[in-house]
Amino acid sequence: MTAKFAWAILLASAVLEAVWATALGLSDGFSQAPPTVVFAVTASLSMIGLGIAVKRIPLGTAYAVWVGIGAALTVGWAMATGVEPASPLKLLFIAGIVGCAAGLKALPTEALEVAEPARP
């Protein structure tokens, strides 16, 4: 798998994270069937995608990007639909999250070599 493909899978998984987080809120404690089904399907697909992406992208970087982008999309959707109030400061902080995720993507994704422990 190429690095570009791993990043594409990671970004798709982050979008799915925003979908499952939104569905979780709409499920009313899993008492509403349609959002509960959407939650279960998208949470599973999102986790599978994250698992695939970490084969090529370091776990810490992948997880930070996955959570950051997912959280930013979740809040952005909530503000766009009127569920949560928007403010310039909130938008600035969301832009900061997205900027940090983009910065992590810009870093090299070379796998770290793990040194063998010293033998006594």
PDB file of N, CA and C in Angstrom:
ATOM      1  N   MET A   1       0.852  -1.175   0.000  1.00  0.00           N
ATOM      2  CA  MET A   1       0.000   0.000   0.000  1.00  0.00           C
ATOM      3  C   MET A   1       0.895   1.235   0.000  1.00  0.00           C
ATOM      4  N   THR A   2       0.534   2.198  -0.820  1.00  0.00           N
ATOM      5  CA  THR A   2       1.310   3.436  -0.879  1.00  0.00           C
ATOM      6  C   THR A   2       0.915   4.361   0.267  1.00  0.00           C
ATOM      7  N   ALA A   3       1.783   5.321   0.540  1.00  0.00           N
ATOM      8  CA  ALA A   3       1.496   6.296   1.596  1.00  0.00           C
ATOM      9  C   ALA A   3       0.267   7.134   1.237  1.00  0.00           C
ATOM     10  N   LYS A   4       0.132   7.502  -0.033  1.00  0.00           N
ATOM     11  CA  LYS A   4      -1.031   8.305  -0.449  1.00  0.00           C
ATOM     12  C   LYS A   4      -2.326   7.537  -0.221  1.00  0.00           C
ATOM     13  N   PHE A   5      -2.319   6.246  -0.522  1.00  0.00           N
ATOM     14  CA  PHE A   5      -3.510   5.433  -0.317  1.00  0.00           C
ATOM     15  C   PHE A   5      -3.829   5.313   1.169  1.00  0.00           C
ATOM     16  N   ALA A   6      -2.798   5.132   1.991  1.00  0.00           N
ATOM     17  CA  ALA A   6      -3.004   5.049   3.442  1.00  0.00           C
ATOM     18  C   ALA A   6      -3.609   6.346   3.972  1.00  0.00           C
ATOM     19  N   TRP A   7      -3.120   7.489   3.482  1.00  0.00           N
ATOM     20  CA  TRP A   7      -3.677   8.769   3.914  1.00  0.00           C
ATOM     21  C   TRP A   7      -5.115   8.939   3.437  1.00  0.00           C
ATOM     22  N   ALA A   8      -5.418   8.468   2.235  1.00  0.00           N
ATOM     23  CA  ALA A   8      -6.796   8.555   1.732  1.00  0.00           C
ATOM     24  C   ALA A   8      -7.729   7.711   2.603  1.00  0.00           C
ATOM     25  N   ILE A   9      -7.282   6.520   2.966  1.00  0.00           N
ATOM     26  CA  ILE A   9      -8.086   5.660   3.845  1.00  0.00           C
ATOM     27  C   ILE A   9      -8.266   6.333   5.204  1.00  0.00           C
ATOM     28  N   LEU A  10      -7.194   6.927   5.719  1.00  0.00           N
ATOM     29  CA  LEU A  10      -7.273   7.597   7.021  1.00  0.00           C
ATOM     30  C   LEU A  10      -8.266   8.757   6.982  1.00  0.00           C
ATOM     31  N   LEU A  11      -8.224   9.558   5.936  1.00  0.00           N
ATOM     32  CA  LEU A  11      -9.145  10.696   5.837  1.00  0.00           C
ATOM     33  C   LEU A  11     -10.592  10.226   5.675  1.00  0.00           C
ATOM     34  N   ALA A  12     -10.803   9.168   4.901  1.00  0.00           N
ATOM     35  CA  ALA A  12     -12.156   8.616   4.779  1.00  0.00           C
ATOM     36  C   ALA A  12     -12.633   8.094   6.137  1.00  0.00           C
ATOM     37  N   SER A  13     -11.734   7.484   6.887  1.00  0.00           N
ATOM     38  CA  SER A  13     -12.081   6.985   8.221  1.00  0.00           C
ATOM     39  C   SER A  13     -12.411   8.130   9.177  1.00  0.00           C
ATOM     40  N   ALA A  14     -11.725   9.256   9.023  1.00  0.00           N
ATOM     41  CA  ALA A  14     -12.015  10.427   9.858  1.00  0.00           C
ATOM     42  C   ALA A  14     -13.402  10.980   9.535  1.00  0.00           C
ATOM     43  N   VAL A  15     -13.768  10.977   8.259  1.00  0.00           N
ATOM     44  CA  VAL A  15     -15.115  11.410   7.878  1.00  0.00           C
ATOM     45  C   VAL A  15     -16.148  10.470   8.503  1.00  0.00           C
ATOM     46  N   LEU A  16     -15.874   9.166   8.439  1.00  0.00           N
ATOM     47  CA  LEU A  16     -16.784   8.203   9.055  1.00  0.00           C
ATOM     48  C   LEU A  16     -16.865   8.393  10.566  1.00  0.00           C
ATOM     49  N   GLU A  17     -15.756   8.834  11.168  1.00  0.00           N
ATOM     50  CA  GLU A  17     -15.797   9.109  12.610  1.00  0.00           C
ATOM     51  C   GLU A  17     -16.795  10.226  12.905  1.00  0.00           C
ATOM     52  N   ALA A  18     -16.788  11.260  12.074  1.00  0.00           N
ATOM     53  CA  ALA A  18     -17.746  12.355  12.262  1.00  0.00           C
ATOM     54  C   ALA A  18     -19.179  11.859  12.078  1.00  0.00           C
ATOM     55  N   VAL A  19     -19.382  10.946  11.136  1.00  0.00           N
ATOM     56  CA  VAL A  19     -20.729  10.395  10.909  1.00  0.00           C
ATOM     57  C   VAL A  19     -21.173   9.596  12.120  1.00  0.00           C
ATOM     58  N   TRP A  20     -20.280   8.713  12.632  1.00  0.00           N
ATOM     59  CA  TRP A  20     -20.723   7.893  13.771  1.00  0.00           C
ATOM     60  C   TRP A  20     -20.912   8.728  15.023  1.00  0.00           C
ATOM     61  N   ALA A  21     -20.097   9.765  15.208  1.00  0.00           N
ATOM     62  CA  ALA A  21     -20.272  10.618  16.379  1.00  0.00           C
ATOM     63  C   ALA A  21     -21.607  11.362  16.313  1.00  0.00           C
ATOM     64  N   THR A  22     -21.953  11.837  15.133  1.00  0.00           N
ATOM     65  CA  THR A  22     -23.235  12.521  14.957  1.00  0.00           C
ATOM     66  C   THR A  22     -24.391  11.541  15.160  1.00  0.00           C
ATOM     67  N   ALA A  23     -24.260  10.349  14.591  1.00  0.00           N
ATOM     68  CA  ALA A  23     -25.311   9.338  14.759  1.00  0.00           C
ATOM     69  C   ALA A  23     -25.459   8.932  16.218  1.00  0.00           C
ATOM     70  N   LEU A  24     -24.346   8.876  16.932  1.00  0.00           N
ATOM     71  CA  LEU A  24     -24.402   8.543  18.361  1.00  0.00           C
ATOM     72  C   LEU A  24     -25.257   9.558  19.103  1.00  0.00           C
ATOM     73  N   GLY A  25     -25.064  10.834  18.805  1.00  0.00           N
ATOM     74  CA  GLY A  25     -25.869  11.866  19.438  1.00  0.00           C
ATOM     75  C   GLY A  25     -27.340  11.764  19.091  1.00  0.00           C
ATOM     76  N   LEU A  26     -27.625  11.353  17.865  1.00  0.00           N
ATOM     77  CA  LEU A  26     -29.016  11.238  17.415  1.00  0.00           C
ATOM     78  C   LEU A  26     -29.691   9.955  17.880  1.00  0.00           C
ATOM     79  N   SER A  27     -28.911   8.999  18.358  1.00  0.00           N
ATOM     80  CA  SER A  27     -29.472   7.693  18.725  1.00  0.00           C
ATOM     81  C   SER A  27     -30.236   7.720  20.045  1.00  0.00           C
ATOM     82  N   ASP A  28     -30.100   8.802  20.808  1.00  0.00           N
ATOM     83  CA  ASP A  28     -30.794   8.944  22.085  1.00  0.00           C
ATOM     84  C   ASP A  28     -30.532   7.740  22.989  1.00  0.00           C
ATOM     85  N   GLY A  29     -29.226   7.502  23.225  1.00  0.00           N
ATOM     86  CA  GLY A  29     -28.853   6.373  24.086  1.00  0.00           C
ATOM     87  C   GLY A  29     -29.148   5.026  23.453  1.00  0.00           C
ATOM     88  N   PHE A  30     -29.007   4.943  22.145  1.00  0.00           N
ATOM     89  CA  PHE A  30     -29.259   3.730  21.359  1.00  0.00           C
ATOM     90  C   PHE A  30     -30.726   3.307  21.378  1.00  0.00           C
ATOM     91  N   SER A  31     -31.629   4.238  21.655  1.00  0.00           N
ATOM     92  CA  SER A  31     -33.064   3.908  21.664  1.00  0.00           C
ATOM     93  C   SER A  31     -33.725   4.163  20.310  1.00  0.00           C
ATOM     94  N   GLN A  32     -33.044   4.855  19.409  1.00  0.00           N
ATOM     95  CA  GLN A  32     -33.564   5.129  18.072  1.00  0.00           C
ATOM     96  C   GLN A  32     -32.827   4.233  17.073  1.00  0.00           C
ATOM     97  N   ALA A  33     -33.573   3.341  16.411  1.00  0.00           N
ATOM     98  CA  ALA A  33     -32.949   2.328  15.558  1.00  0.00           C
ATOM     99  C   ALA A  33     -32.132   2.890  14.382  1.00  0.00           C
ATOM    100  N   PRO A  34     -32.674   3.784  13.552  1.00  0.00           N
ATOM    101  CA  PRO A  34     -31.882   4.207  12.383  1.00  0.00           C
ATOM    102  C   PRO A  34     -30.520   4.822  12.744  1.00  0.00           C
ATOM    103  N   PRO A  35     -30.461   5.803  13.667  1.00  0.00           N
ATOM    104  CA  PRO A  35     -29.140   6.335  13.977  1.00  0.00           C
ATOM    105  C   PRO A  35     -28.236   5.313  14.678  1.00  0.00           C
ATOM    106  N   THR A  36     -28.819   4.379  15.410  1.00  0.00           N
ATOM    107  CA  THR A  36     -28.020   3.345  16.061  1.00  0.00           C
ATOM    108  C   THR A  36     -27.368   2.447  15.023  1.00  0.00           C
ATOM    109  N   VAL A  37     -28.108   2.103  13.973  1.00  0.00           N
ATOM    110  CA  VAL A  37     -27.543   1.286  12.893  1.00  0.00           C
ATOM    111  C   VAL A  37     -26.453   2.058  12.162  1.00  0.00           C
ATOM    112  N   VAL A  38     -26.705   3.337  11.865  1.00  0.00           N
ATOM    113  CA  VAL A  38     -25.685   4.177  11.211  1.00  0.00           C
ATOM    114  C   VAL A  38     -24.443   4.248  12.089  1.00  0.00           C
ATOM    115  N   PHE A  39     -24.632   4.435  13.385  1.00  0.00           N
ATOM    116  CA  PHE A  39     -23.505   4.467  14.312  1.00  0.00           C
ATOM    117  C   PHE A  39     -22.697   3.175  14.230  1.00  0.00           C
ATOM    118  N   ALA A  40     -23.365   2.028  14.338  1.00  0.00           N
ATOM    119  CA  ALA A  40     -22.667   0.738  14.377  1.00  0.00           C
ATOM    120  C   ALA A  40     -21.885   0.484  13.091  1.00  0.00           C
ATOM    121  N   VAL A  41     -22.501   0.764  11.955  1.00  0.00           N
ATOM    122  CA  VAL A  41     -21.848   0.513  10.669  1.00  0.00           C
ATOM    123  C   VAL A  41     -20.667   1.457  10.464  1.00  0.00           C
ATOM    124  N   THR A  42     -20.888   2.755  10.681  1.00  0.00           N
ATOM    125  CA  THR A  42     -19.817   3.715  10.412  1.00  0.00           C
ATOM    126  C   THR A  42     -18.693   3.637  11.449  1.00  0.00           C
ATOM    127  N   ALA A  43     -19.016   3.314  12.692  1.00  0.00           N
ATOM    128  CA  ALA A  43     -17.957   3.140  13.697  1.00  0.00           C
ATOM    129  C   ALA A  43     -17.083   1.954  13.323  1.00  0.00           C
ATOM    130  N   SER A  44     -17.705   0.872  12.889  1.00  0.00           N
ATOM    131  CA  SER A  44     -16.932  -0.305  12.484  1.00  0.00           C
ATOM    132  C   SER A  44     -16.043   0.000  11.288  1.00  0.00           C
ATOM    133  N   LEU A  45     -16.615   0.621  10.261  1.00  0.00           N
ATOM    134  CA  LEU A  45     -15.835   0.956   9.070  1.00  0.00           C
ATOM    135  C   LEU A  45     -14.715   1.941   9.386  1.00  0.00           C
ATOM    136  N   SER A  46     -14.995   2.901  10.259  1.00  0.00           N
ATOM    137  CA  SER A  46     -13.992   3.888  10.640  1.00  0.00           C
ATOM    138  C   SER A  46     -12.813   3.227  11.354  1.00  0.00           C
ATOM    139  N   MET A  47     -13.112   2.308  12.266  1.00  0.00           N
ATOM    140  CA  MET A  47     -12.043   1.605  12.990  1.00  0.00           C
ATOM    141  C   MET A  47     -11.243   0.701  12.058  1.00  0.00           C
ATOM    142  N   ILE A  48     -11.930   0.032  11.139  1.00  0.00           N
ATOM    143  CA  ILE A  48     -11.228  -0.824  10.176  1.00  0.00           C
ATOM    144  C   ILE A  48     -10.290   0.023   9.322  1.00  0.00           C
ATOM    145  N   GLY A  49     -10.780   1.161   8.856  1.00  0.00           N
ATOM    146  CA  GLY A  49      -9.942   2.052   8.057  1.00  0.00           C
ATOM    147  C   GLY A  49      -8.734   2.550   8.827  1.00  0.00           C
ATOM    148  N   LEU A  50      -8.938   2.919  10.082  1.00  0.00           N
ATOM    149  CA  LEU A  50      -7.811   3.347  10.913  1.00  0.00           C
ATOM    150  C   LEU A  50      -6.806   2.212  11.046  1.00  0.00           C
ATOM    151  N   GLY A  51      -7.299   1.015  11.270  1.00  0.00           N
ATOM    152  CA  GLY A  51      -6.409  -0.144  11.393  1.00  0.00           C
ATOM    153  C   GLY A  51      -5.598  -0.396  10.133  1.00  0.00           C
ATOM    154  N   ILE A  52      -6.215  -0.206   8.982  1.00  0.00           N
ATOM    155  CA  ILE A  52      -5.503  -0.379   7.711  1.00  0.00           C
ATOM    156  C   ILE A  52      -4.470   0.728   7.534  1.00  0.00           C
ATOM    157  N   ALA A  53      -4.850   1.961   7.851  1.00  0.00           N
ATOM    158  CA  ALA A  53      -3.952   3.101   7.650  1.00  0.00           C
ATOM    159  C   ALA A  53      -2.693   2.994   8.508  1.00  0.00           C
ATOM    160  N   VAL A  54      -2.811   2.443   9.713  1.00  0.00           N
ATOM    161  CA  VAL A  54      -1.639   2.393  10.594  1.00  0.00           C
ATOM    162  C   VAL A  54      -0.625   1.336  10.154  1.00  0.00           C
ATOM    163  N   LYS A  55      -0.938   0.588   9.123  1.00  0.00           N
ATOM    164  CA  LYS A  55       0.074  -0.304   8.550  1.00  0.00           C
ATOM    165  C   LYS A  55       1.159   0.510   7.848  1.00  0.00           C
ATOM    166  N   ARG A  56       0.819   1.731   7.447  1.00  0.00           N
ATOM    167  CA  ARG A  56       1.764   2.569   6.694  1.00  0.00           C
ATOM    168  C   ARG A  56       2.076   3.896   7.398  1.00  0.00           C
ATOM    169  N   ILE A  57       1.138   4.381   8.218  1.00  0.00           N
ATOM    170  CA  ILE A  57       1.304   5.657   8.916  1.00  0.00           C
ATOM    171  C   ILE A  57       1.529   5.349  10.386  1.00  0.00           C
ATOM    172  N   PRO A  58       2.505   6.000  11.031  1.00  0.00           N
ATOM    173  CA  PRO A  58       2.737   5.746  12.459  1.00  0.00           C
ATOM    174  C   PRO A  58       1.455   5.941  13.273  1.00  0.00           C
ATOM    175  N   LEU A  59       1.233   5.069  14.240  1.00  0.00           N
ATOM    176  CA  LEU A  59      -0.002   5.048  15.014  1.00  0.00           C
ATOM    177  C   LEU A  59      -0.324   6.394  15.655  1.00  0.00           C
ATOM    178  N   GLY A  60       0.631   7.011  16.324  1.00  0.00           N
ATOM    179  CA  GLY A  60       0.370   8.284  17.001  1.00  0.00           C
ATOM    180  C   GLY A  60      -0.094   9.353  16.031  1.00  0.00           C
ATOM    181  N   THR A  61       0.573   9.440  14.892  1.00  0.00           N
ATOM    182  CA  THR A  61       0.199  10.419  13.874  1.00  0.00           C
ATOM    183  C   THR A  61      -1.177  10.107  13.307  1.00  0.00           C
ATOM    184  N   ALA A  62      -1.400   8.848  12.957  1.00  0.00           N
ATOM    185  CA  ALA A  62      -2.683   8.453  12.370  1.00  0.00           C
ATOM    186  C   ALA A  62      -3.824   8.720  13.337  1.00  0.00           C
ATOM    187  N   TYR A  63      -3.635   8.361  14.590  1.00  0.00           N
ATOM    188  CA  TYR A  63      -4.705   8.545  15.569  1.00  0.00           C
ATOM    189  C   TYR A  63      -4.996  10.031  15.787  1.00  0.00           C
ATOM    190  N   ALA A  64      -3.954  10.848  15.889  1.00  0.00           N
ATOM    191  CA  ALA A  64      -4.154  12.282  16.098  1.00  0.00           C
ATOM    192  C   ALA A  64      -4.897  12.912  14.918  1.00  0.00           C
ATOM    193  N   VAL A  65      -4.540  12.534  13.705  1.00  0.00           N
ATOM    194  CA  VAL A  65      -5.211  13.068  12.524  1.00  0.00           C
ATOM    195  C   VAL A  65      -6.650  12.574  12.475  1.00  0.00           C
ATOM    196  N   TRP A  66      -6.858  11.289  12.749  1.00  0.00           N
ATOM    197  CA  TRP A  66      -8.196  10.681  12.718  1.00  0.00           C
ATOM    198  C   TRP A  66      -9.127  11.384  13.706  1.00  0.00           C
ATOM    199  N   VAL A  67      -8.657  11.552  14.931  1.00  0.00           N
ATOM    200  CA  VAL A  67      -9.472  12.208  15.962  1.00  0.00           C
ATOM    201  C   VAL A  67      -9.668  13.689  15.641  1.00  0.00           C
ATOM    202  N   GLY A  68      -8.595  14.364  15.249  1.00  0.00           N
ATOM    203  CA  GLY A  68      -8.678  15.799  14.986  1.00  0.00           C
ATOM    204  C   GLY A  68      -9.625  16.137  13.853  1.00  0.00           C
ATOM    205  N   ILE A  69      -9.471  15.459  12.729  1.00  0.00           N
ATOM    206  CA  ILE A  69     -10.342  15.721  11.589  1.00  0.00           C
ATOM    207  C   ILE A  69     -11.779  15.303  11.908  1.00  0.00           C
ATOM    208  N   GLY A  70     -11.941  14.153  12.552  1.00  0.00           N
ATOM    209  CA  GLY A  70     -13.283  13.701  12.927  1.00  0.00           C
ATOM    210  C   GLY A  70     -13.971  14.674  13.863  1.00  0.00           C
ATOM    211  N   ALA A  71     -13.226  15.178  14.842  1.00  0.00           N
ATOM    212  CA  ALA A  71     -13.803  16.128  15.793  1.00  0.00           C
ATOM    213  C   ALA A  71     -14.155  17.446  15.102  1.00  0.00           C
ATOM    214  N   ALA A  72     -13.264  17.927  14.246  1.00  0.00           N
ATOM    215  CA  ALA A  72     -13.527  19.182  13.545  1.00  0.00           C
ATOM    216  C   ALA A  72     -14.758  19.062  12.651  1.00  0.00           C
ATOM    217  N   LEU A  73     -14.880  17.940  11.944  1.00  0.00           N
ATOM    218  CA  LEU A  73     -16.055  17.739  11.096  1.00  0.00           C
ATOM    219  C   LEU A  73     -17.330  17.611  11.917  1.00  0.00           C
ATOM    220  N   THR A  74     -17.240  16.943  13.058  1.00  0.00           N
ATOM    221  CA  THR A  74     -18.411  16.779  13.916  1.00  0.00           C
ATOM    222  C   THR A  74     -18.905  18.130  14.422  1.00  0.00           C
ATOM    223  N   VAL A  75     -17.996  18.940  14.911  1.00  0.00           N
ATOM    224  CA  VAL A  75     -18.375  20.267  15.407  1.00  0.00           C
ATOM    225  C   VAL A  75     -18.850  21.146  14.252  1.00  0.00           C
ATOM    226  N   GLY A  76     -18.153  21.072  13.122  1.00  0.00           N
ATOM    227  CA  GLY A  76     -18.559  21.858  11.956  1.00  0.00           C
ATOM    228  C   GLY A  76     -19.969  21.520  11.500  1.00  0.00           C
ATOM    229  N   TRP A  77     -20.295  20.226  11.464  1.00  0.00           N
ATOM    230  CA  TRP A  77     -21.644  19.794  11.087  1.00  0.00           C
ATOM    231  C   TRP A  77     -22.672  20.279  12.105  1.00  0.00           C
ATOM    232  N   ALA A  78     -22.336  20.171  13.377  1.00  0.00           N
ATOM    233  CA  ALA A  78     -23.271  20.612  14.421  1.00  0.00           C
ATOM    234  C   ALA A  78     -23.534  22.114  14.312  1.00  0.00           C
ATOM    235  N   MET A  79     -22.505  22.885  14.004  1.00  0.00           N
ATOM    236  CA  MET A  79     -22.701  24.324  13.841  1.00  0.00           C
ATOM    237  C   MET A  79     -23.499  24.624  12.565  1.00  0.00           C
ATOM    238  N   ALA A  80     -23.203  23.908  11.480  1.00  0.00           N
ATOM    239  CA  ALA A  80     -23.892  24.146  10.208  1.00  0.00           C
ATOM    240  C   ALA A  80     -25.374  23.803  10.290  1.00  0.00           C
ATOM    241  N   THR A  81     -25.724  22.822  11.110  1.00  0.00           N
ATOM    242  CA  THR A  81     -27.123  22.414  11.226  1.00  0.00           C
ATOM    243  C   THR A  81     -27.846  23.112  12.374  1.00  0.00           C
ATOM    244  N   GLY A  82     -27.154  23.986  13.098  1.00  0.00           N
ATOM    245  CA  GLY A  82     -27.782  24.742  14.171  1.00  0.00           C
ATOM    246  C   GLY A  82     -27.886  24.014  15.495  1.00  0.00           C
ATOM    247  N   VAL A  83     -27.298  22.821  15.589  1.00  0.00           N
ATOM    248  CA  VAL A  83     -27.335  22.064  16.840  1.00  0.00           C
ATOM    249  C   VAL A  83     -26.422  22.714  17.881  1.00  0.00           C
ATOM    250  N   GLU A  84     -25.370  23.339  17.392  1.00  0.00           N
ATOM    251  CA  GLU A  84     -24.400  23.982  18.276  1.00  0.00           C
ATOM    252  C   GLU A  84     -24.137  25.393  17.752  1.00  0.00           C
ATOM    253  N   PRO A  85     -24.043  26.376  18.635  1.00  0.00           N
ATOM    254  CA  PRO A  85     -23.813  27.740  18.149  1.00  0.00           C
ATOM    255  C   PRO A  85     -22.397  27.911  17.596  1.00  0.00           C
ATOM    256  N   ALA A  86     -22.294  28.719  16.559  1.00  0.00           N
ATOM    257  CA  ALA A  86     -20.994  29.039  15.964  1.00  0.00           C
ATOM    258  C   ALA A  86     -20.494  30.357  16.533  1.00  0.00           C
ATOM    259  N   SER A  87     -19.186  30.490  16.590  1.00  0.00           N
ATOM    260  CA  SER A  87     -18.579  31.754  16.996  1.00  0.00           C
ATOM    261  C   SER A  87     -17.227  31.868  16.305  1.00  0.00           C
ATOM    262  N   PRO A  88     -16.751  33.083  16.127  1.00  0.00           N
ATOM    263  CA  PRO A  88     -15.445  33.245  15.489  1.00  0.00           C
ATOM    264  C   PRO A  88     -14.328  32.522  16.254  1.00  0.00           C
ATOM    265  N   LEU A  89     -14.381  32.559  17.570  1.00  0.00           N
ATOM    266  CA  LEU A  89     -13.351  31.888  18.357  1.00  0.00           C
ATOM    267  C   LEU A  89     -13.406  30.369  18.181  1.00  0.00           C
ATOM    268  N   LYS A  90     -14.606  29.828  18.150  1.00  0.00           N
ATOM    269  CA  LYS A  90     -14.760  28.382  17.946  1.00  0.00           C
ATOM    270  C   LYS A  90     -14.221  27.988  16.571  1.00  0.00           C
ATOM    271  N   LEU A  91     -14.532  28.788  15.550  1.00  0.00           N
ATOM    272  CA  LEU A  91     -14.023  28.522  14.204  1.00  0.00           C
ATOM    273  C   LEU A  91     -12.501  28.595  14.162  1.00  0.00           C
ATOM    274  N   LEU A  92     -11.925  29.529  14.903  1.00  0.00           N
ATOM    275  CA  LEU A  92     -10.470  29.647  14.968  1.00  0.00           C
ATOM    276  C   LEU A  92      -9.849  28.387  15.575  1.00  0.00           C
ATOM    277  N   PHE A  93     -10.428  27.897  16.645  1.00  0.00           N
ATOM    278  CA  PHE A  93      -9.893  26.701  17.291  1.00  0.00           C
ATOM    279  C   PHE A  93     -10.058  25.462  16.407  1.00  0.00           C
ATOM    280  N   ILE A  94     -11.173  25.375  15.699  1.00  0.00           N
ATOM    281  CA  ILE A  94     -11.360  24.255  14.774  1.00  0.00           C
ATOM    282  C   ILE A  94     -10.330  24.335  13.649  1.00  0.00           C
ATOM    283  N   ALA A  95     -10.078  25.532  13.153  1.00  0.00           N
ATOM    284  CA  ALA A  95      -9.042  25.706  12.132  1.00  0.00           C
ATOM    285  C   ALA A  95      -7.682  25.284  12.677  1.00  0.00           C
ATOM    286  N   GLY A  96      -7.441  25.543  13.955  1.00  0.00           N
ATOM    287  CA  GLY A  96      -6.191  25.105  14.577  1.00  0.00           C
ATOM    288  C   GLY A  96      -6.059  23.593  14.595  1.00  0.00           C
ATOM    289  N   ILE A  97      -7.158  22.900  14.893  1.00  0.00           N
ATOM    290  CA  ILE A  97      -7.139  21.435  14.880  1.00  0.00           C
ATOM    291  C   ILE A  97      -6.815  20.926  13.474  1.00  0.00           C
ATOM    292  N   VAL A  98      -7.492  21.481  12.477  1.00  0.00           N
ATOM    293  CA  VAL A  98      -7.266  21.060  11.098  1.00  0.00           C
ATOM    294  C   VAL A  98      -5.837  21.394  10.674  1.00  0.00           C
ATOM    295  N   GLY A  99      -5.348  22.560  11.071  1.00  0.00           N
ATOM    296  CA  GLY A  99      -3.974  22.941  10.746  1.00  0.00           C
ATOM    297  C   GLY A  99      -2.952  22.002  11.364  1.00  0.00           C
ATOM    298  N   CYS A 100      -3.196  21.595  12.594  1.00  0.00           N
ATOM    299  CA  CYS A 100      -2.284  20.651  13.256  1.00  0.00           C
ATOM    300  C   CYS A 100      -2.314  19.293  12.561  1.00  0.00           C
ATOM    301  N   ALA A 101      -3.490  18.842  12.155  1.00  0.00           N
ATOM    302  CA  ALA A 101      -3.595  17.570  11.430  1.00  0.00           C
ATOM    303  C   ALA A 101      -2.851  17.659  10.096  1.00  0.00           C
ATOM    304  N   ALA A 102      -3.002  18.779   9.402  1.00  0.00           N
ATOM    305  CA  ALA A 102      -2.282  18.964   8.143  1.00  0.00           C
ATOM    306  C   ALA A 102      -0.774  18.990   8.377  1.00  0.00           C
ATOM    307  N   GLY A 103      -0.352  19.599   9.468  1.00  0.00           N
ATOM    308  CA  GLY A 103       1.072  19.616   9.800  1.00  0.00           C
ATOM    309  C   GLY A 103       1.608  18.220  10.048  1.00  0.00           C
ATOM    310  N   LEU A 104       0.836  17.383  10.731  1.00  0.00           N
ATOM    311  CA  LEU A 104       1.261  16.001  10.959  1.00  0.00           C
ATOM    312  C   LEU A 104       1.354  15.238   9.645  1.00  0.00           C
ATOM    313  N   LYS A 105       0.447  15.509   8.723  1.00  0.00           N
ATOM    314  CA  LYS A 105       0.493  14.839   7.429  1.00  0.00           C
ATOM    315  C   LYS A 105       1.731  15.252   6.649  1.00  0.00           C
ATOM    316  N   ALA A 106       2.176  16.478   6.844  1.00  0.00           N
ATOM    317  CA  ALA A 106       3.338  16.981   6.115  1.00  0.00           C
ATOM    318  C   ALA A 106       4.648  16.357   6.589  1.00  0.00           C
ATOM    319  N   LEU A 107       4.641  15.803   7.787  1.00  0.00           N
ATOM    320  CA  LEU A 107       5.855  15.166   8.306  1.00  0.00           C
ATOM    321  C   LEU A 107       6.111  13.849   7.592  1.00  0.00           C
ATOM    322  N   PRO A 108       7.370  13.411   7.552  1.00  0.00           N
ATOM    323  CA  PRO A 108       7.657  12.113   6.920  1.00  0.00           C
ATOM    324  C   PRO A 108       6.950  10.984   7.668  1.00  0.00           C
ATOM    325  N   THR A 109       6.511   9.978   6.917  1.00  0.00           N
ATOM    326  CA  THR A 109       5.796   8.854   7.521  1.00  0.00           C
ATOM    327  C   THR A 109       6.658   7.604   7.594  1.00  0.00           C
ATOM    328  N   GLU A 110       7.973   7.780   7.582  1.00  0.00           N
ATOM    329  CA  GLU A 110       8.862   6.625   7.657  1.00  0.00           C
ATOM    330  C   GLU A 110       8.635   5.896   8.968  1.00  0.00           C
ATOM    331  N   ALA A 111       8.626   4.600   8.884  1.00  0.00           N
ATOM    332  CA  ALA A 111       8.461   3.792  10.095  1.00  0.00           C
ATOM    333  C   ALA A 111       9.705   3.924  10.962  1.00  0.00           C
ATOM    334  N   LEU A 112       9.480   4.042  12.237  1.00  0.00           N
ATOM    335  CA  LEU A 112      10.592   4.127  13.162  1.00  0.00           C
ATOM    336  C   LEU A 112      11.177   2.746  13.373  1.00  0.00           C
ATOM    337  N   GLU A 113      12.485   2.668  13.344  1.00  0.00           N
ATOM    338  CA  GLU A 113      13.119   1.393  13.606  1.00  0.00           C
ATOM    339  C   GLU A 113      13.212   1.200  15.103  1.00  0.00           C
ATOM    340  N   VAL A 114      12.808   0.041  15.533  1.00  0.00           N
ATOM    341  CA  VAL A 114      12.854  -0.270  16.949  1.00  0.00           C
ATOM    342  C   VAL A 114      14.164  -0.992  17.220  1.00  0.00           C
ATOM    343  N   ALA A 115      14.948  -0.423  18.097  1.00  0.00           N
ATOM    344  CA  ALA A 115      16.234  -1.029  18.431  1.00  0.00           C
ATOM    345  C   ALA A 115      16.009  -2.247  19.323  1.00  0.00           C
ATOM    346  N   GLU A 116      16.843  -3.241  19.119  1.00  0.00           N
ATOM    347  CA  GLU A 116      16.753  -4.409  19.974  1.00  0.00           C
ATOM    348  C   GLU A 116      17.259  -4.047  21.351  1.00  0.00           C
ATOM    349  N   PRO A 117      16.625  -4.562  22.398  1.00  0.00           N
ATOM    350  CA  PRO A 117      17.098  -4.254  23.751  1.00  0.00           C
ATOM    351  C   PRO A 117      18.484  -4.832  23.978  1.00  0.00           C
ATOM    352  N   ALA A 118      19.244  -4.119  24.752  1.00  0.00           N
ATOM    353  CA  ALA A 118      20.595  -4.591  25.079  1.00  0.00           C
ATOM    354  C   ALA A 118      20.528  -5.858  25.897  1.00  0.00           C
ATOM    355  N   ARG A 119      21.391  -6.780  25.557  1.00  0.00           N
ATOM    356  CA  ARG A 119      21.420  -8.039  26.311  1.00  0.00           C
ATOM    357  C   ARG A 119      22.420  -7.938  27.436  1.00  0.00           C
ATOM    358  N   PRO A 120      22.039  -8.405  28.607  1.00  0.00           N
ATOM    359  CA  PRO A 120      22.976  -8.324  29.756  1.00  0.00           C
ATOM    360  C   PRO A 120      24.145  -9.245  29.619  1.00  0.00           C
TER     361      PRO A 120
END
